[in-house]
Amino acid sequence: MASVFWYLEVIWVFQEENCFARSAKLARPNLFNPDQWTVRRKRVEKDLEFPKELFQQLYGTGLEIIDVHAICNPLLINSFSLCFQKFKERSEVSSSLFNQQHWRKNEETAAQIKQRERTLEELEKRVNQFAWNEQSLVKIIPVVHGTGYQEALKICATGFATLSLLDAGWYGSGIYFTTNVLYTFPYFVSKERPVVILSFLLPGNCYPVIEDSRTADSLTGTMLKIGYQSHYVVTTKQGHPQANLSKDCSCDEIIINQEAQVCPVYIFEIEPNFATFLRKYSRLIPETGEESEAGSSEIPLLEIV
């Protein structure tokens, strides 16, 4: 029943009559022109309650939202729904096989195993934030990606696949997301028209990453671990693995290699007046290895809490 609920819920989010944008002239959206994904009715304030609630749950407090656009791309929706059903069937046939944890059998210390367990516990906390996961074998979490408006339109038209080519991949080769809006600052802070894309993601069986990109066991550029559909790592604000998981665990990264595991839901346009108070917030970005244009990270004026 949970799978039916989620299929209907996803379709509801993307249904044409529930999709809102500035224009309302077209009788039918043109999927090849994302600027024309529109509705036949005017937006009302109630339409914004659900996306804004999600945005706040993903540490979006402190950012001023100019506008919100719901995305209607049936091709991506169907791909996502089929992936959900595939994960569900595999989990029902053999839950132990689908959710196996090879890392427990590796030659690791007790401390390393404990760190991986704690990492998965943090992911479970994210999952349990959302009531829709209570009755479902296959979990779905909202995630975010920061970029510019035009880039966002292209992503919502064709999917996230090309993003895997842009990032060196500190924690494995794939498509990177986070559950923390503030963590995406380096990717949109310098954009003329900054936005955050909120998507639904299917983590499947997740490999808990504790490997550091600066050490010999780095996963940089490697394929995702066999038997896992995603990698998950709790990070510091600077993007390195959080060694002490009893401290702040609000920053994270989740990596997938199948585009069907993610589906864009909303585009949030952000008021671009944060440059002054973000000038001291930055971190190294894998694709360039250079600091973001936000400046030094020594004293962030907008804390991630």
Protein backbone atom coordinates (compact mmCIF):
# COMPACT_ATOMS: atom_id res chain seq x y z
CA MET A 1 0.00 0.00 0.00
CA ALA A 2 2.92 2.30 0.70
CA SER A 3 4.18 1.95 -2.85
CA VAL A 4 0.77 2.90 -4.22
CA PHE A 5 0.69 5.87 -1.89
CA TRP A 6 4.05 7.06 -3.07
CA TYR A 7 3.29 6.59 -6.73
CA LEU A 8 0.11 8.63 -6.30
CA GLU A 9 1.89 11.21 -4.15
CA VAL A 10 4.62 11.76 -6.72
CA ILE A 11 2.12 11.99 -9.53
CA TRP A 12 0.06 14.45 -7.48
CA VAL A 13 3.07 16.72 -7.02
CA PHE A 14 3.74 16.74 -10.73
CA GLN A 15 0.21 16.84 -12.06
CA GLU A 16 -0.36 19.75 -14.38
CA GLU A 17 -3.10 21.27 -12.25
CA ASN A 18 -0.77 21.25 -9.23
CA CYS A 19 2.17 22.78 -11.05
CA PHE A 20 2.56 26.50 -10.59
CA ALA A 21 4.57 29.17 -12.41
CA ARG A 22 4.15 32.78 -13.48
CA SER A 23 2.36 32.13 -16.76
CA ALA A 24 -0.96 30.37 -17.23
CA LYS A 25 -1.51 30.65 -20.97
CA LEU A 26 -0.79 27.16 -22.27
CA ALA A 27 -3.42 24.46 -22.28
CA ARG A 28 -0.69 21.78 -22.37
CA PRO A 29 2.91 22.06 -21.12
CA ASN A 30 5.67 21.73 -23.70
CA LEU A 31 8.14 19.25 -22.19
CA PHE A 32 10.91 20.48 -24.47
CA ASN A 33 10.56 24.05 -23.25
CA PRO A 34 10.80 24.06 -19.44
CA ASP A 35 9.91 27.75 -19.31
CA GLN A 36 6.46 26.68 -20.52
CA TRP A 37 5.81 24.10 -17.80
CA THR A 38 2.88 25.97 -16.45
CA VAL A 39 -0.67 25.76 -15.19
CA ARG A 40 -4.18 26.78 -16.10
CA ARG A 41 -4.90 28.43 -12.79
CA LYS A 42 -3.34 31.04 -10.58
CA ARG A 43 -1.18 30.03 -7.68
CA VAL A 44 -2.62 30.43 -4.20
CA GLU A 45 -0.69 30.72 -0.94
CA LYS A 46 -1.67 27.19 0.11
CA ASP A 47 0.31 25.83 -2.85
CA LEU A 48 3.50 27.07 -1.19
CA GLU A 49 2.99 25.40 2.18
CA PHE A 50 4.36 21.96 1.28
CA PRO A 51 7.50 23.08 -0.62
CA LYS A 52 8.35 25.73 1.96
CA GLU A 53 7.97 23.21 4.76
CA LEU A 54 10.39 20.87 3.00
CA PHE A 55 12.80 23.73 2.39
CA GLN A 56 12.87 24.58 6.09
CA GLN A 57 13.33 20.94 7.09
CA LEU A 58 16.44 20.90 4.88
CA TYR A 59 18.08 23.74 6.80
CA GLY A 60 16.82 26.48 4.48
CA THR A 61 16.11 28.89 7.32
CA GLY A 62 17.76 32.28 6.74
CA LEU A 63 17.41 32.35 2.96
CA GLU A 64 14.77 34.57 1.36
CA ILE A 65 12.70 32.73 -1.24
CA ILE A 66 11.67 34.89 -4.20
CA ASP A 67 9.57 32.30 -5.98
CA VAL A 68 8.87 28.57 -6.12
CA HIS A 69 8.25 26.56 -9.30
CA ALA A 70 6.86 23.02 -9.29
CA ILE A 71 8.36 20.83 -12.01
CA CYS A 72 6.22 18.78 -14.35
CA ASN A 73 8.26 16.31 -16.42
CA PRO A 74 6.36 13.03 -16.91
CA LEU A 75 9.43 11.33 -18.42
CA LEU A 76 11.45 11.80 -15.24
CA ILE A 77 8.44 10.97 -13.06
CA ASN A 78 7.84 7.66 -14.83
CA SER A 79 11.52 6.75 -14.65
CA PHE A 80 11.57 7.51 -10.92
CA SER A 81 8.36 5.55 -10.28
CA LEU A 82 9.70 2.50 -12.16
CA CYS A 83 12.91 2.65 -10.14
CA PHE A 84 10.83 2.76 -6.95
CA GLN A 85 8.89 -0.33 -8.03
CA LYS A 86 12.11 -2.16 -8.95
CA PHE A 87 13.67 -1.43 -5.56
CA LYS A 88 10.46 -2.49 -3.83
CA GLU A 89 10.26 -5.81 -5.70
CA ARG A 90 13.91 -6.61 -4.96
CA SER A 91 13.45 -5.79 -1.30
CA GLU A 92 10.32 -7.97 -1.04
CA VAL A 93 11.95 -10.93 -2.80
CA SER A 94 15.10 -10.86 -0.68
CA SER A 95 15.41 -8.12 1.88
CA SER A 96 18.67 -9.51 3.30
CA LEU A 97 20.27 -9.66 -0.16
CA PHE A 98 19.06 -6.22 -1.23
CA ASN A 99 20.16 -4.64 2.06
CA GLN A 100 23.39 -6.55 2.56
CA GLN A 101 26.28 -4.83 4.33
CA HIS A 102 29.55 -6.15 2.90
CA TRP A 103 31.53 -3.62 4.87
CA ARG A 104 30.88 -5.55 8.09
CA LYS A 105 32.93 -8.44 6.66
CA ASN A 106 35.91 -6.31 5.68
CA GLU A 107 39.12 -6.28 7.67
CA GLU A 108 38.35 -3.13 9.60
CA THR A 109 38.80 -2.09 13.17
CA ALA A 110 35.93 -1.99 15.63
CA ALA A 111 36.19 1.80 15.59
CA GLN A 112 35.80 1.93 11.80
CA ILE A 113 32.78 -0.37 11.87
CA LYS A 114 31.24 1.75 14.62
CA GLN A 115 31.82 4.88 12.53
CA ARG A 116 30.02 3.33 9.56
CA GLU A 117 27.15 2.29 11.82
CA ARG A 118 26.87 5.83 13.16
CA THR A 119 26.91 7.17 9.60
CA LEU A 120 23.94 4.98 8.68
CA GLU A 121 22.18 6.09 11.85
CA GLU A 122 22.46 9.69 10.67
CA LEU A 123 20.94 8.73 7.31
CA GLU A 124 18.14 6.94 9.16
CA LYS A 125 17.43 10.14 11.09
CA ARG A 126 16.97 11.96 7.77
CA VAL A 127 14.67 9.20 6.51
CA ASN A 128 12.56 9.21 9.67
CA GLN A 129 11.90 12.95 9.39
CA PHE A 130 9.26 12.18 6.77
CA ALA A 131 6.11 10.29 7.69
CA TRP A 132 5.73 8.78 4.23
CA ASN A 133 8.66 6.41 4.99
CA GLU A 134 6.97 4.79 8.01
CA GLN A 135 5.14 2.06 6.09
CA SER A 136 7.47 1.70 3.11
CA LEU A 137 10.31 -0.77 2.54
CA VAL A 138 11.80 1.62 0.01
CA LYS A 139 12.71 4.97 1.47
CA ILE A 140 12.47 8.35 -0.26
CA ILE A 141 14.25 11.47 0.96
CA PRO A 142 14.14 15.06 -0.29
CA VAL A 143 17.55 16.36 -1.35
CA VAL A 144 18.85 19.61 -2.82
CA HIS A 145 21.26 20.85 -5.46
CA GLY A 146 22.38 24.47 -5.84
CA THR A 147 22.91 26.06 -9.24
CA GLY A 148 21.76 28.92 -11.50
CA TYR A 149 18.28 29.36 -12.93
CA GLN A 150 19.10 28.50 -16.56
CA GLU A 151 21.10 25.47 -15.50
CA ALA A 152 18.16 24.37 -13.33
CA LEU A 153 15.78 24.54 -16.29
CA LYS A 154 18.08 22.28 -18.31
CA ILE A 155 18.32 19.79 -15.46
CA CYS A 156 14.55 19.69 -15.05
CA ALA A 157 14.16 19.15 -18.80
CA THR A 158 16.74 16.40 -19.28
CA GLY A 159 17.65 15.10 -15.81
CA PHE A 160 20.71 15.13 -13.60
CA ALA A 161 22.92 12.72 -15.58
CA THR A 162 25.36 15.34 -16.87
CA LEU A 163 26.19 16.45 -13.31
CA SER A 164 28.24 13.29 -12.81
CA LEU A 165 30.66 14.63 -15.42
CA LEU A 166 31.25 17.91 -13.56
CA ASP A 167 32.46 16.62 -10.21
CA ALA A 168 35.70 14.77 -9.49
CA GLY A 169 33.76 12.84 -6.87
CA TRP A 170 35.53 12.80 -3.49
CA TYR A 171 33.23 10.02 -2.24
CA GLY A 172 32.75 8.05 -5.43
CA SER A 173 31.84 8.74 -9.02
CA GLY A 174 28.20 9.70 -9.48
CA ILE A 175 25.57 12.40 -9.04
CA TYR A 176 25.93 14.36 -5.80
CA PHE A 177 23.19 15.72 -3.53
CA THR A 178 22.79 16.85 0.07
CA THR A 179 19.96 17.15 2.58
CA ASN A 180 21.26 20.57 3.68
CA VAL A 181 20.34 23.70 1.68
CA LEU A 182 23.08 25.80 3.29
CA TYR A 183 25.69 23.23 2.27
CA THR A 184 24.98 24.03 -1.40
CA PHE A 185 26.10 27.68 -1.08
CA PRO A 186 29.37 27.30 -3.00
CA TYR A 187 27.42 26.08 -6.01
CA PHE A 188 24.97 28.97 -6.28
CA VAL A 189 26.39 31.90 -4.34
CA SER A 190 28.10 33.39 -7.42
CA LYS A 191 25.18 32.79 -9.81
CA GLU A 192 23.37 35.81 -11.24
CA ARG A 193 20.05 34.10 -10.59
CA PRO A 194 20.67 31.58 -7.79
CA VAL A 195 18.31 28.67 -7.25
CA VAL A 196 18.03 25.47 -5.26
CA ILE A 197 16.49 22.39 -6.88
CA LEU A 198 14.63 20.16 -4.43
CA SER A 199 14.23 16.56 -5.57
CA PHE A 200 12.99 13.21 -4.34
CA LEU A 201 15.74 10.58 -4.11
CA LEU A 202 15.78 6.79 -3.68
CA PRO A 203 18.92 5.87 -1.71
CA GLY A 204 18.28 2.11 -1.88
CA ASN A 205 21.00 0.13 -0.12
CA CYS A 206 23.47 2.78 1.01
CA TYR A 207 27.21 2.38 1.61
CA PRO A 208 28.35 4.41 4.65
CA VAL A 209 31.43 6.38 3.66
CA ILE A 210 34.10 7.25 6.22
CA GLU A 211 37.02 7.37 3.74
CA ASP A 212 38.68 10.78 3.43
CA SER A 213 39.61 12.17 0.00
CA ARG A 214 42.93 13.31 1.48
CA THR A 215 44.05 9.85 2.59
CA ALA A 216 45.34 6.72 0.87
CA ASP A 217 41.97 4.94 1.04
CA SER A 218 40.21 7.77 -0.81
CA LEU A 219 37.17 6.89 -2.94
CA THR A 220 37.79 9.86 -5.28
CA GLY A 221 36.71 8.99 -8.82
CA THR A 222 35.94 5.34 -7.99
CA MET A 223 32.73 3.55 -8.91
CA LEU A 224 30.05 3.07 -6.27
CA LYS A 225 30.59 -0.03 -4.16
CA ILE A 226 29.16 -3.20 -5.70
CA GLY A 227 25.84 -4.17 -4.13
CA TYR A 228 24.95 -0.60 -3.17
CA GLN A 229 22.75 1.95 -4.94
CA SER A 230 24.26 4.97 -3.19
CA HIS A 231 27.07 6.28 -0.98
CA TYR A 232 26.37 8.44 2.07
CA VAL A 233 28.80 10.55 4.09
CA VAL A 234 28.34 12.95 7.00
CA THR A 235 30.65 15.91 6.46
CA THR A 236 31.98 19.03 8.08
CA LYS A 237 31.03 22.42 6.63
CA GLN A 238 34.23 22.22 4.59
CA GLY A 239 33.13 18.99 2.91
CA HIS A 240 35.39 16.48 4.65
CA PRO A 241 34.14 13.45 6.60
CA GLN A 242 32.89 14.32 10.07
CA ALA A 243 35.22 12.40 12.39
CA ASN A 244 33.19 13.04 15.53
CA LEU A 245 29.58 12.10 14.83
CA SER A 246 28.54 13.16 18.31
CA LYS A 247 29.01 16.77 17.16
CA ASP A 248 27.24 18.70 14.39
CA CYS A 249 25.97 16.22 11.78
CA SER A 250 23.81 18.57 9.74
CA CYS A 251 26.02 18.48 6.61
CA ASP A 252 26.09 15.46 4.36
CA GLU A 253 26.46 14.21 0.80
CA ILE A 254 24.64 11.38 -0.92
CA ILE A 255 25.84 9.97 -4.22
CA ILE A 256 23.88 7.90 -6.74
CA ASN A 257 24.86 6.55 -10.15
CA GLN A 258 21.43 5.98 -11.67
CA GLU A 259 19.57 9.05 -12.85
CA ALA A 260 16.27 7.21 -12.32
CA GLN A 261 16.87 7.33 -8.56
CA VAL A 262 16.13 11.06 -8.43
CA CYS A 263 13.33 13.29 -9.68
CA PRO A 264 13.22 17.11 -9.46
CA VAL A 265 10.20 18.46 -7.60
CA TYR A 266 10.67 22.19 -7.02
CA ILE A 267 12.92 25.06 -8.03
CA PHE A 268 13.41 27.69 -5.31
CA GLU A 269 14.59 31.08 -6.52
CA ILE A 270 16.76 32.68 -3.83
CA GLU A 271 17.14 36.40 -3.21
CA PRO A 272 20.76 37.12 -4.33
CA ASN A 273 21.60 39.58 -1.58
CA PHE A 274 23.61 37.21 0.60
CA ALA A 275 27.08 37.95 -0.76
CA THR A 276 27.97 40.32 2.08
CA PHE A 277 27.16 37.93 4.94
CA LEU A 278 28.46 34.86 3.10
CA ARG A 279 31.80 36.35 2.16
CA LYS A 280 33.45 34.32 4.89
CA TYR A 281 31.81 31.01 3.99
CA SER A 282 33.49 28.71 1.51
CA ARG A 283 34.91 25.28 0.96
CA LEU A 284 36.87 23.49 -1.72
CA ILE A 285 34.71 22.31 -4.60
CA PRO A 286 35.86 18.98 -6.10
CA GLU A 287 35.50 19.90 -9.77
CA THR A 288 37.93 22.80 -9.55
CA GLY A 289 39.84 22.27 -6.32
CA GLU A 290 39.57 26.01 -5.75
CA GLU A 291 37.69 27.99 -3.15
CA SER A 292 34.18 29.06 -3.98
CA GLU A 293 33.57 32.73 -4.67
CA ALA A 294 32.02 33.13 -1.23
CA GLY A 295 35.46 33.77 0.27
CA SER A 296 37.25 32.48 3.37
CA SER A 297 35.60 29.86 5.58
CA GLU A 298 37.17 30.84 8.87
CA ILE A 299 34.16 32.60 10.44
CA PRO A 300 30.86 31.78 8.69
CA LEU A 301 28.38 34.54 9.44
CA LEU A 302 25.40 32.30 8.66
CA GLU A 303 25.84 29.23 10.79
CA ILE A 304 24.65 25.80 9.69
CA VAL A 305 22.81 24.54 12.75
